[in-house]
N, C-alpha and C. Protein backbone atom coordinates (compact mmCIF):
# COMPACT_ATOMS: atom_id res chain seq x y z
N MET A 1 11.75 -59.60 -67.12
CA MET A 1 12.78 -58.88 -66.53
C MET A 1 12.58 -57.37 -66.53
N VAL A 2 12.12 -56.88 -67.78
CA VAL A 2 11.87 -55.46 -67.85
C VAL A 2 10.76 -55.07 -66.97
N ASN A 3 9.71 -55.90 -67.03
CA ASN A 3 8.55 -55.59 -66.17
C ASN A 3 8.97 -55.66 -64.72
N GLY A 4 9.77 -56.68 -64.41
CA GLY A 4 10.20 -56.79 -63.02
C GLY A 4 11.03 -55.66 -62.58
N THR A 5 11.94 -55.18 -63.51
CA THR A 5 12.79 -53.97 -63.18
C THR A 5 11.93 -52.76 -62.96
N GLU A 6 11.03 -52.56 -63.92
CA GLU A 6 10.19 -51.41 -63.81
C GLU A 6 9.33 -51.44 -62.50
N THR A 7 8.97 -52.65 -62.16
CA THR A 7 8.22 -52.76 -60.94
C THR A 7 9.02 -52.44 -59.76
N ASN A 8 10.32 -52.85 -59.71
CA ASN A 8 11.17 -52.46 -58.60
C ASN A 8 11.43 -50.97 -58.53
N ILE A 9 11.68 -50.39 -59.74
CA ILE A 9 11.90 -48.91 -59.77
C ILE A 9 10.68 -48.16 -59.23
N LEU A 10 9.52 -48.62 -59.71
CA LEU A 10 8.36 -47.88 -59.24
C LEU A 10 8.12 -48.11 -57.74
N SER A 11 8.45 -49.28 -57.29
CA SER A 11 8.27 -49.56 -55.83
C SER A 11 9.21 -48.75 -55.02
N GLU A 12 10.48 -48.57 -55.55
CA GLU A 12 11.48 -47.73 -54.86
C GLU A 12 11.04 -46.27 -54.80
N ASN A 13 10.55 -45.82 -56.04
CA ASN A 13 10.07 -44.44 -56.11
C ASN A 13 8.87 -44.21 -55.19
N ASP A 14 7.98 -45.21 -55.21
CA ASP A 14 6.80 -45.10 -54.32
C ASP A 14 7.26 -45.04 -52.86
N SER A 15 8.23 -45.88 -52.47
CA SER A 15 8.66 -45.84 -51.08
C SER A 15 9.36 -44.54 -50.78
N GLY A 16 10.05 -43.93 -51.72
CA GLY A 16 10.70 -42.65 -51.53
C GLY A 16 9.62 -41.54 -51.33
N PHE A 17 8.65 -41.59 -52.13
CA PHE A 17 7.60 -40.54 -51.95
C PHE A 17 6.85 -40.76 -50.61
N GLN A 18 6.81 -41.91 -50.14
CA GLN A 18 6.09 -42.16 -48.90
C GLN A 18 6.89 -41.63 -47.68
N HIS A 19 8.26 -41.69 -47.74
CA HIS A 19 9.11 -41.24 -46.62
C HIS A 19 9.17 -39.77 -46.46
N LYS A 20 9.15 -39.04 -47.58
CA LYS A 20 9.28 -37.57 -47.45
C LYS A 20 8.22 -36.91 -46.67
N PRO A 21 6.87 -37.22 -46.89
CA PRO A 21 5.86 -36.60 -46.08
C PRO A 21 5.99 -37.03 -44.62
N VAL A 22 6.34 -38.22 -44.34
CA VAL A 22 6.48 -38.66 -43.03
C VAL A 22 7.56 -37.86 -42.24
N ARG A 23 8.73 -37.69 -42.84
CA ARG A 23 9.78 -36.84 -42.24
C ARG A 23 9.37 -35.40 -42.04
N ALA A 24 8.63 -34.88 -43.05
CA ALA A 24 8.14 -33.46 -42.92
C ALA A 24 7.17 -33.34 -41.74
N ARG A 25 6.29 -34.34 -41.67
CA ARG A 25 5.36 -34.31 -40.54
C ARG A 25 6.15 -34.42 -39.16
N GLN A 26 7.14 -35.27 -39.08
CA GLN A 26 7.92 -35.41 -37.82
C GLN A 26 8.63 -34.11 -37.53
N LEU A 27 9.21 -33.42 -38.54
CA LEU A 27 9.86 -32.13 -38.37
C LEU A 27 8.89 -31.09 -37.85
N SER A 28 7.70 -31.07 -38.52
CA SER A 28 6.65 -30.10 -38.13
C SER A 28 6.18 -30.35 -36.71
N THR A 29 6.06 -31.58 -36.40
CA THR A 29 5.62 -31.93 -35.00
C THR A 29 6.66 -31.53 -34.03
N THR A 30 7.93 -31.72 -34.33
CA THR A 30 8.99 -31.34 -33.45
C THR A 30 9.02 -29.84 -33.18
N ILE A 31 8.84 -29.11 -34.27
CA ILE A 31 8.79 -27.60 -34.13
C ILE A 31 7.62 -27.20 -33.27
N VAL A 32 6.42 -27.77 -33.54
CA VAL A 32 5.24 -27.38 -32.76
C VAL A 32 5.45 -27.72 -31.29
N ASP A 33 6.02 -28.88 -31.01
CA ASP A 33 6.36 -29.30 -29.59
C ASP A 33 7.31 -28.29 -28.94
N SER A 34 8.35 -27.91 -29.71
CA SER A 34 9.35 -26.92 -29.16
C SER A 34 8.67 -25.67 -28.85
N LYS A 35 7.79 -25.13 -29.75
CA LYS A 35 7.07 -23.88 -29.50
C LYS A 35 6.20 -24.04 -28.26
N ARG A 36 5.51 -25.18 -28.17
CA ARG A 36 4.67 -25.43 -26.97
C ARG A 36 5.45 -25.43 -25.71
N ASP A 37 6.63 -26.10 -25.74
CA ASP A 37 7.44 -26.20 -24.60
C ASP A 37 7.97 -24.84 -24.17
N LEU A 38 8.31 -23.98 -25.23
CA LEU A 38 8.80 -22.64 -24.94
C LEU A 38 7.72 -21.78 -24.35
N ARG A 39 6.49 -21.88 -24.83
CA ARG A 39 5.39 -21.13 -24.23
C ARG A 39 5.16 -21.56 -22.79
N MET A 40 5.23 -22.86 -22.48
CA MET A 40 5.03 -23.31 -21.13
C MET A 40 6.08 -22.80 -20.21
N VAL A 41 7.37 -22.77 -20.70
CA VAL A 41 8.44 -22.18 -19.90
C VAL A 41 8.24 -20.70 -19.57
N VAL A 42 7.78 -20.00 -20.61
CA VAL A 42 7.54 -18.55 -20.48
C VAL A 42 6.40 -18.36 -19.46
N ILE A 43 5.33 -19.15 -19.54
CA ILE A 43 4.20 -18.98 -18.66
C ILE A 43 4.59 -19.31 -17.20
N VAL A 44 5.34 -20.42 -17.02
CA VAL A 44 5.79 -20.77 -15.67
C VAL A 44 6.68 -19.68 -15.12
N MET A 45 7.66 -19.13 -15.97
CA MET A 45 8.46 -18.09 -15.40
C MET A 45 7.66 -16.86 -15.02
N ALA A 46 6.70 -16.51 -15.85
CA ALA A 46 5.81 -15.36 -15.54
C ALA A 46 5.07 -15.54 -14.27
N VAL A 47 4.51 -16.74 -14.07
CA VAL A 47 3.82 -17.03 -12.85
C VAL A 47 4.73 -17.00 -11.63
N LEU A 48 5.90 -17.57 -11.73
CA LEU A 48 6.88 -17.48 -10.64
C LEU A 48 7.27 -16.04 -10.35
N PHE A 49 7.45 -15.25 -11.37
CA PHE A 49 7.85 -13.84 -11.18
C PHE A 49 6.72 -13.06 -10.44
N VAL A 50 5.52 -13.27 -10.88
CA VAL A 50 4.36 -12.60 -10.22
C VAL A 50 4.22 -13.03 -8.78
N GLY A 51 4.42 -14.34 -8.52
CA GLY A 51 4.41 -14.88 -7.21
C GLY A 51 5.49 -14.21 -6.26
N PHE A 52 6.68 -14.07 -6.93
CA PHE A 52 7.85 -13.49 -6.21
C PHE A 52 7.56 -12.08 -5.81
N LEU A 53 6.93 -11.29 -6.75
CA LEU A 53 6.54 -9.89 -6.44
C LEU A 53 5.50 -9.85 -5.38
N GLY A 54 4.55 -10.82 -5.41
CA GLY A 54 3.51 -10.89 -4.35
C GLY A 54 4.12 -11.14 -2.95
N ILE A 55 5.13 -12.04 -2.91
CA ILE A 55 5.74 -12.33 -1.63
C ILE A 55 6.53 -11.11 -1.17
N ILE A 56 7.21 -10.41 -2.01
CA ILE A 56 7.90 -9.18 -1.63
C ILE A 56 6.92 -8.14 -1.05
N ARG A 57 5.83 -7.95 -1.80
CA ARG A 57 4.81 -6.93 -1.36
C ARG A 57 4.21 -7.36 0.00
N PHE A 58 3.95 -8.65 0.13
CA PHE A 58 3.39 -9.10 1.44
C PHE A 58 4.35 -8.90 2.62
N ALA A 59 5.62 -9.21 2.32
CA ALA A 59 6.59 -9.04 3.39
C ALA A 59 6.83 -7.58 3.72
N SER A 60 6.84 -6.74 2.67
CA SER A 60 6.89 -5.29 2.93
C SER A 60 5.76 -4.75 3.75
N SER A 61 4.55 -5.19 3.38
CA SER A 61 3.39 -4.65 4.03
C SER A 61 3.24 -5.24 5.44
N SER A 62 3.76 -6.46 5.66
CA SER A 62 3.66 -7.07 6.99
C SER A 62 4.63 -6.40 7.97
N ASN A 63 5.64 -5.73 7.47
CA ASN A 63 6.57 -5.00 8.27
C ASN A 63 6.06 -3.67 8.71
N LYS A 64 5.06 -3.18 8.02
CA LYS A 64 4.48 -1.93 8.43
C LYS A 64 3.55 -2.10 9.62
N PRO A 65 3.27 -1.00 10.34
CA PRO A 65 2.33 -1.11 11.44
C PRO A 65 0.97 -1.54 10.98
N THR A 66 0.33 -2.28 11.80
CA THR A 66 -1.03 -2.84 11.47
C THR A 66 -2.01 -1.57 11.37
N GLN A 67 -2.79 -1.60 10.33
CA GLN A 67 -3.67 -0.48 10.12
C GLN A 67 -5.13 -0.91 10.35
N GLY A 68 -5.90 -0.09 11.08
CA GLY A 68 -7.37 -0.26 11.12
C GLY A 68 -7.97 0.67 10.07
N GLU A 69 -8.93 1.53 10.54
CA GLU A 69 -9.41 2.53 9.72
C GLU A 69 -8.42 3.68 9.68
N SER A 70 -7.78 3.96 8.64
CA SER A 70 -6.61 4.81 8.58
C SER A 70 -6.34 5.48 7.30
N ALA A 71 -5.37 6.43 7.35
CA ALA A 71 -4.87 7.11 6.19
C ALA A 71 -3.31 7.09 6.37
N SER A 72 -2.61 6.94 5.32
CA SER A 72 -1.16 6.86 5.47
C SER A 72 -0.42 7.48 4.28
N SER A 73 0.82 7.79 4.42
CA SER A 73 1.71 8.28 3.34
C SER A 73 3.11 7.90 3.73
N GLU A 74 3.98 7.89 2.62
CA GLU A 74 5.37 7.53 2.82
C GLU A 74 6.26 8.54 2.06
N SER A 75 7.27 8.96 2.70
CA SER A 75 8.19 9.93 2.11
C SER A 75 9.56 9.78 2.73
N GLY A 76 10.55 9.63 1.90
CA GLY A 76 11.92 9.57 2.40
C GLY A 76 12.17 8.36 3.44
N GLY A 77 11.46 7.29 3.23
CA GLY A 77 11.59 6.16 4.08
C GLY A 77 10.82 6.30 5.45
N LEU A 78 10.03 7.40 5.59
CA LEU A 78 9.30 7.58 6.83
C LEU A 78 7.80 7.35 6.47
N TYR A 79 7.22 6.39 7.07
CA TYR A 79 5.81 6.02 6.90
C TYR A 79 4.95 6.59 7.96
N THR A 80 4.07 7.55 7.58
CA THR A 80 3.18 8.24 8.48
C THR A 80 1.87 7.72 8.43
N CYS A 81 1.23 7.45 9.58
CA CYS A 81 -0.09 6.84 9.56
C CYS A 81 -0.99 7.44 10.62
N LEU A 82 -2.22 7.79 10.26
CA LEU A 82 -3.30 8.26 11.12
C LEU A 82 -4.27 7.15 11.24
N ARG A 83 -4.53 6.66 12.58
CA ARG A 83 -5.51 5.60 12.76
C ARG A 83 -6.63 6.10 13.62
N ILE A 84 -7.82 5.62 13.31
CA ILE A 84 -8.99 6.05 14.15
C ILE A 84 -9.57 4.76 14.73
N TYR A 85 -9.68 4.69 16.03
CA TYR A 85 -10.24 3.54 16.71
C TYR A 85 -11.58 3.83 17.36
N ASP A 86 -12.58 3.15 16.78
CA ASP A 86 -13.93 3.34 17.35
C ASP A 86 -14.13 2.55 18.55
N SER A 87 -15.00 2.98 19.43
CA SER A 87 -15.34 2.22 20.63
C SER A 87 -16.93 2.15 20.63
N GLU A 88 -17.49 1.80 21.73
CA GLU A 88 -18.96 1.78 21.85
C GLU A 88 -19.52 3.11 21.60
N PRO A 89 -20.78 3.13 21.12
CA PRO A 89 -21.44 4.45 20.98
C PRO A 89 -21.45 5.28 22.21
N GLY A 90 -21.08 6.55 22.10
CA GLY A 90 -21.02 7.42 23.25
C GLY A 90 -19.67 7.38 23.97
N LYS A 91 -18.85 6.42 23.64
CA LYS A 91 -17.52 6.38 24.27
C LYS A 91 -16.53 7.20 23.42
N PRO A 92 -15.38 7.52 24.02
CA PRO A 92 -14.38 8.33 23.23
C PRO A 92 -13.80 7.52 22.06
N ILE A 93 -13.43 8.30 21.01
CA ILE A 93 -12.84 7.75 19.85
C ILE A 93 -11.33 7.87 19.99
N GLY A 94 -10.56 6.77 19.79
CA GLY A 94 -9.21 6.69 19.89
C GLY A 94 -8.55 7.26 18.63
N LEU A 95 -7.52 8.16 18.86
CA LEU A 95 -6.74 8.80 17.76
C LEU A 95 -5.29 8.40 17.88
N GLN A 96 -4.66 8.11 16.77
CA GLN A 96 -3.28 7.77 16.83
C GLN A 96 -2.55 8.24 15.60
N MET A 97 -1.45 8.87 15.78
CA MET A 97 -0.51 9.21 14.70
C MET A 97 0.76 8.45 14.94
N SER A 98 1.33 7.88 13.93
CA SER A 98 2.62 7.12 14.12
C SER A 98 3.60 7.43 13.00
N LEU A 99 4.86 7.36 13.38
CA LEU A 99 5.93 7.51 12.41
C LEU A 99 6.70 6.22 12.39
N TYR A 100 6.88 5.56 11.25
CA TYR A 100 7.53 4.26 11.15
C TYR A 100 8.73 4.44 10.20
N ASN A 101 9.83 3.96 10.62
CA ASN A 101 11.07 4.04 9.80
C ASN A 101 11.18 2.81 8.85
N MET A 102 10.89 3.01 7.58
CA MET A 102 10.95 1.90 6.64
C MET A 102 12.35 1.80 6.01
N SER A 103 13.18 2.75 6.25
CA SER A 103 14.54 2.76 5.61
C SER A 103 15.50 1.91 6.37
N GLY A 104 16.66 1.72 5.89
CA GLY A 104 17.63 0.94 6.52
C GLY A 104 18.65 1.68 7.31
N HIS A 105 18.32 2.96 7.59
CA HIS A 105 19.25 3.80 8.44
C HIS A 105 18.46 4.60 9.42
N ARG A 106 19.16 5.18 10.37
CA ARG A 106 18.53 6.01 11.40
C ARG A 106 17.98 7.28 10.84
N ILE A 107 16.78 7.70 11.28
CA ILE A 107 16.22 9.00 10.82
C ILE A 107 16.09 9.95 12.00
N ALA A 108 16.62 11.08 11.91
CA ALA A 108 16.60 12.11 12.94
C ALA A 108 15.56 13.12 12.55
N LEU A 109 14.68 13.38 13.50
CA LEU A 109 13.59 14.40 13.26
C LEU A 109 13.64 15.48 14.31
N LYS A 110 13.24 16.67 13.87
CA LYS A 110 13.12 17.76 14.70
C LYS A 110 11.70 18.41 14.63
N PHE A 111 11.01 18.55 15.70
CA PHE A 111 9.74 19.18 15.67
C PHE A 111 9.95 20.66 15.60
N THR A 112 9.27 21.27 14.60
CA THR A 112 9.59 22.65 14.28
C THR A 112 8.73 23.61 15.06
N LYS A 113 7.61 23.25 15.60
CA LYS A 113 6.82 24.14 16.35
C LYS A 113 5.95 23.38 17.35
N SER A 114 5.38 24.05 18.37
CA SER A 114 4.62 23.41 19.39
C SER A 114 3.15 23.91 19.15
N PRO A 115 2.18 22.97 19.26
CA PRO A 115 2.32 21.56 19.57
C PRO A 115 2.97 20.79 18.45
N ALA A 116 3.76 19.81 18.80
CA ALA A 116 4.47 18.99 17.75
C ALA A 116 3.43 18.17 16.98
N LEU A 117 2.29 17.87 17.64
CA LEU A 117 1.27 17.02 17.03
C LEU A 117 -0.07 17.52 17.47
N ASP A 118 -1.07 17.44 16.54
CA ASP A 118 -2.36 17.87 16.90
C ASP A 118 -3.42 17.07 16.08
N PHE A 119 -4.64 16.93 16.72
CA PHE A 119 -5.75 16.34 16.07
C PHE A 119 -6.85 17.36 15.94
N ILE A 120 -7.52 17.46 14.81
CA ILE A 120 -8.57 18.39 14.62
C ILE A 120 -9.72 17.68 14.00
N VAL A 121 -10.95 17.94 14.56
CA VAL A 121 -12.21 17.34 14.00
C VAL A 121 -12.96 18.48 13.35
N GLN A 122 -13.36 18.26 12.13
CA GLN A 122 -14.17 19.29 11.33
C GLN A 122 -15.38 18.67 10.82
N ARG A 123 -16.44 19.51 10.62
CA ARG A 123 -17.66 19.07 9.96
C ARG A 123 -17.86 19.91 8.73
N PRO A 124 -18.05 19.21 7.62
CA PRO A 124 -18.28 19.96 6.31
C PRO A 124 -19.63 20.66 6.35
N VAL A 125 -19.63 21.95 6.11
CA VAL A 125 -20.84 22.78 6.04
C VAL A 125 -21.01 23.28 4.62
N HIS A 126 -22.25 23.11 4.08
CA HIS A 126 -22.57 23.59 2.75
C HIS A 126 -22.97 25.06 2.86
N LEU A 127 -22.20 25.89 2.18
CA LEU A 127 -22.46 27.32 2.22
C LEU A 127 -22.32 28.04 0.83
N PHE A 128 -23.43 28.51 0.35
CA PHE A 128 -23.40 29.15 -1.03
C PHE A 128 -22.70 28.24 -2.10
N PHE A 129 -23.26 27.06 -2.23
CA PHE A 129 -22.80 26.13 -3.22
C PHE A 129 -21.35 25.68 -2.99
N ARG A 130 -20.86 25.89 -1.86
CA ARG A 130 -19.51 25.44 -1.55
C ARG A 130 -19.53 24.61 -0.17
N THR A 131 -18.62 23.74 -0.09
CA THR A 131 -18.50 22.96 1.18
C THR A 131 -17.25 23.53 1.96
N VAL A 132 -17.64 24.05 3.13
CA VAL A 132 -16.63 24.71 3.97
C VAL A 132 -16.43 23.91 5.28
N PRO A 133 -15.15 23.54 5.58
CA PRO A 133 -14.91 22.80 6.81
C PRO A 133 -15.07 23.69 8.03
N MET A 134 -15.84 23.34 9.02
CA MET A 134 -16.01 24.05 10.24
C MET A 134 -15.41 23.21 11.42
N GLU A 135 -14.46 23.89 12.09
CA GLU A 135 -13.79 23.16 13.22
C GLU A 135 -14.77 22.90 14.33
N VAL A 136 -14.81 21.64 14.78
CA VAL A 136 -15.65 21.21 15.87
C VAL A 136 -14.82 21.09 17.16
N TRP A 137 -13.62 20.49 17.02
CA TRP A 137 -12.84 20.21 18.19
C TRP A 137 -11.42 20.10 17.79
N ARG A 138 -10.50 20.60 18.70
CA ARG A 138 -9.07 20.57 18.52
C ARG A 138 -8.39 19.99 19.76
N TYR A 139 -7.59 19.02 19.56
CA TYR A 139 -6.95 18.32 20.68
C TYR A 139 -6.08 19.30 21.57
N SER A 140 -5.31 20.11 20.85
CA SER A 140 -4.34 20.99 21.65
C SER A 140 -5.12 22.04 22.45
N SER A 141 -6.42 22.34 22.17
CA SER A 141 -7.17 23.29 22.98
C SER A 141 -7.57 22.73 24.33
N HIS A 142 -7.43 21.42 24.48
CA HIS A 142 -7.85 20.78 25.75
C HIS A 142 -6.74 19.95 26.38
N ASN A 143 -5.64 19.75 25.67
CA ASN A 143 -4.52 18.94 26.20
C ASN A 143 -3.21 19.66 25.83
N ASN A 144 -2.24 19.54 26.71
CA ASN A 144 -0.89 20.12 26.35
C ASN A 144 0.13 18.99 26.31
N ARG A 145 -0.31 17.76 26.04
CA ARG A 145 0.57 16.63 25.97
C ARG A 145 1.66 16.74 24.95
N PHE A 146 1.37 17.33 23.78
CA PHE A 146 2.32 17.43 22.69
C PHE A 146 2.99 18.82 22.63
N VAL A 147 2.83 19.60 23.64
CA VAL A 147 3.48 20.87 23.71
C VAL A 147 4.88 20.58 24.30
N PHE A 148 5.87 20.46 23.46
CA PHE A 148 7.22 20.07 23.88
C PHE A 148 8.07 21.24 24.22
N THR A 149 9.06 20.99 25.15
CA THR A 149 10.01 22.01 25.46
C THR A 149 11.17 21.97 24.43
N GLU A 150 12.14 22.84 24.66
CA GLU A 150 13.31 22.91 23.75
C GLU A 150 14.05 21.55 23.72
N LYS A 151 14.18 20.91 24.86
CA LYS A 151 14.92 19.66 24.97
C LYS A 151 14.23 18.46 24.37
N GLU A 152 12.93 18.63 24.10
CA GLU A 152 12.20 17.49 23.57
C GLU A 152 11.91 17.64 22.12
N THR A 153 12.53 18.52 21.40
CA THR A 153 12.24 18.75 20.02
C THR A 153 12.86 17.80 18.97
N ASN A 154 13.90 17.03 19.49
CA ASN A 154 14.58 16.09 18.61
C ASN A 154 14.31 14.69 19.01
N ILE A 155 13.99 13.83 17.99
CA ILE A 155 13.78 12.41 18.23
C ILE A 155 14.55 11.67 17.13
N GLU A 156 14.86 10.45 17.44
CA GLU A 156 15.53 9.54 16.53
C GLU A 156 14.70 8.26 16.35
N ILE A 157 14.52 7.82 15.13
CA ILE A 157 13.78 6.58 14.83
C ILE A 157 14.74 5.59 14.15
N MET A 158 14.96 4.51 14.81
CA MET A 158 15.86 3.48 14.20
C MET A 158 15.13 2.67 13.16
N PRO A 159 15.86 1.99 12.25
CA PRO A 159 15.18 1.17 11.25
C PRO A 159 14.22 0.16 11.86
N GLY A 160 13.00 0.12 11.28
CA GLY A 160 11.99 -0.79 11.81
C GLY A 160 11.29 -0.32 13.05
N GLU A 161 11.65 0.79 13.56
CA GLU A 161 11.08 1.37 14.81
C GLU A 161 9.87 2.27 14.46
N GLU A 162 8.91 2.26 15.38
CA GLU A 162 7.68 3.11 15.21
C GLU A 162 7.56 3.98 16.40
N LYS A 163 7.36 5.27 16.20
CA LYS A 163 7.02 6.19 17.23
C LYS A 163 5.51 6.45 17.18
N VAL A 164 4.81 6.26 18.27
CA VAL A 164 3.34 6.33 18.26
C VAL A 164 2.95 7.44 19.23
N PHE A 165 1.94 8.25 18.77
CA PHE A 165 1.36 9.33 19.61
C PHE A 165 -0.11 9.13 19.65
N HIS A 166 -0.59 9.05 20.90
CA HIS A 166 -2.04 8.70 21.10
C HIS A 166 -2.84 9.93 21.52
N GLY A 167 -4.05 10.02 21.11
CA GLY A 167 -5.03 10.98 21.56
C GLY A 167 -6.35 10.41 21.70
N GLU A 168 -7.35 11.25 22.09
CA GLU A 168 -8.69 10.77 22.29
C GLU A 168 -9.71 11.91 22.09
N TRP A 169 -10.75 11.58 21.43
CA TRP A 169 -11.82 12.56 21.29
C TRP A 169 -13.10 12.06 21.98
N ASN A 170 -13.63 12.89 22.84
CA ASN A 170 -14.78 12.49 23.66
C ASN A 170 -16.10 12.77 22.96
N ARG A 171 -16.09 13.06 21.68
CA ARG A 171 -17.33 13.30 20.95
C ARG A 171 -17.97 14.58 21.43
N VAL A 172 -17.16 15.59 21.75
CA VAL A 172 -17.64 16.86 22.20
C VAL A 172 -17.01 17.96 21.28
N ASN A 173 -17.61 19.20 21.35
CA ASN A 173 -17.01 20.29 20.62
C ASN A 173 -16.03 21.06 21.51
N ASN A 174 -15.52 22.12 20.97
CA ASN A 174 -14.53 22.89 21.79
C ASN A 174 -15.13 23.52 23.03
N ASP A 175 -16.45 23.66 23.08
CA ASP A 175 -17.11 24.19 24.26
C ASP A 175 -17.47 23.11 25.24
N GLY A 176 -17.16 21.87 24.91
CA GLY A 176 -17.42 20.75 25.81
C GLY A 176 -18.80 20.15 25.66
N GLN A 177 -19.51 20.61 24.60
CA GLN A 177 -20.95 20.14 24.41
C GLN A 177 -20.84 18.91 23.55
N PRO A 178 -21.67 17.92 23.92
CA PRO A 178 -21.71 16.63 23.00
C PRO A 178 -22.19 16.99 21.62
N VAL A 179 -21.59 16.33 20.64
CA VAL A 179 -21.97 16.48 19.28
C VAL A 179 -22.77 15.32 18.85
N GLY A 180 -23.67 15.58 17.85
CA GLY A 180 -24.58 14.52 17.37
C GLY A 180 -23.89 13.73 16.25
N ALA A 181 -24.67 12.74 15.72
CA ALA A 181 -24.18 11.96 14.64
C ALA A 181 -24.14 12.84 13.41
N SER A 182 -23.02 12.79 12.74
CA SER A 182 -22.86 13.66 11.52
C SER A 182 -21.65 13.11 10.69
N ARG A 183 -21.33 13.80 9.64
CA ARG A 183 -20.14 13.49 8.85
C ARG A 183 -19.05 14.35 9.40
N TYR A 184 -17.93 13.75 9.77
CA TYR A 184 -16.77 14.43 10.32
C TYR A 184 -15.50 14.10 9.61
N VAL A 185 -14.63 15.02 9.53
CA VAL A 185 -13.25 14.79 8.99
C VAL A 185 -12.27 14.94 10.12
N ILE A 186 -11.52 13.87 10.40
CA ILE A 186 -10.56 13.90 11.47
C ILE A 186 -9.17 14.02 10.83
N THR A 187 -8.43 15.04 11.21
CA THR A 187 -7.10 15.35 10.67
C THR A 187 -6.04 15.22 11.75
N GLY A 188 -4.99 14.52 11.42
CA GLY A 188 -3.86 14.49 12.28
C GLY A 188 -2.65 15.27 11.68
N TYR A 189 -2.01 16.11 12.47
CA TYR A 189 -0.88 16.91 12.06
C TYR A 189 0.39 16.57 12.81
N ILE A 190 1.49 16.48 12.13
CA ILE A 190 2.75 16.34 12.77
C ILE A 190 3.67 17.46 12.22
N ASN A 191 4.20 18.27 13.08
CA ASN A 191 5.06 19.42 12.61
C ASN A 191 6.51 19.05 12.84
N ILE A 192 7.09 18.58 11.75
CA ILE A 192 8.52 18.16 11.78
C ILE A 192 9.30 18.93 10.74
N ASP A 193 10.60 18.85 10.89
CA ASP A 193 11.52 19.51 9.99
C ASP A 193 11.29 19.06 8.52
N GLY A 194 11.08 19.94 7.66
CA GLY A 194 10.80 19.58 6.29
C GLY A 194 9.36 19.80 5.90
N GLY A 195 8.56 20.25 6.88
CA GLY A 195 7.13 20.49 6.58
C GLY A 195 6.15 19.75 7.47
N THR A 196 4.98 20.27 7.57
CA THR A 196 3.94 19.65 8.31
C THR A 196 3.30 18.47 7.53
N ARG A 197 3.14 17.35 8.18
CA ARG A 197 2.56 16.19 7.57
C ARG A 197 1.14 16.09 8.15
N SER A 198 0.15 16.02 7.22
CA SER A 198 -1.21 15.88 7.71
C SER A 198 -1.93 14.74 6.92
N LEU A 199 -2.81 14.11 7.64
CA LEU A 199 -3.62 12.99 7.09
C LEU A 199 -5.01 13.09 7.54
N ASN A 200 -5.97 12.74 6.70
CA ASN A 200 -7.38 12.88 6.94
C ASN A 200 -8.10 11.58 6.87
N VAL A 201 -9.01 11.37 7.82
CA VAL A 201 -9.97 10.24 7.72
C VAL A 201 -11.40 10.77 7.91
N GLU A 202 -12.24 10.39 7.02
CA GLU A 202 -13.63 10.85 7.04
C GLU A 202 -14.50 9.90 7.77
N ARG A 203 -15.35 10.44 8.65
CA ARG A 203 -16.24 9.54 9.45
C ARG A 203 -17.64 10.01 9.34
N GLY A 204 -18.63 9.12 9.54
CA GLY A 204 -20.00 9.50 9.56
C GLY A 204 -20.81 8.73 8.58
């Protein structure tokens, strides 16, 4: 009887000691699984957030005018872009300045001086350890297309609308002489209320 009782007590104690580690392991496993699930949720949310930002950026950029070789800037909801269009060697180079309304409201602009817009081609010249830009050609010296009258000084650009101004450089200097292959800086200027906006594209 005594031995039997002792045997039962020992077996009960033994079984009790066996259950405690199992429950602890189950609890530990549950905590680890919860942490793993939480990490997965955080990772998935981060991926979705990054993807959402990418979609917004793509949608925003796709609403802007298509750019080739260009320079651009944005201020006050007005996106200004200078584009240079190459053609066959020896053919004229296309020049374009554009104003695109990225805002949700109408933008009224006033050209402050004439010409309202100009294109200038310069060649960097090294002089006494300095690089000095030398003017090669100026659009307004050969064209009066952007010399506006008093009635033409105000323009309005609606949301999502683009105003485009085209020019052309025949690869000649101001004297009408052809220029050779070199490094050139083409600058576009727009003289509007609030200051002159200028953009540069380097060629060569």
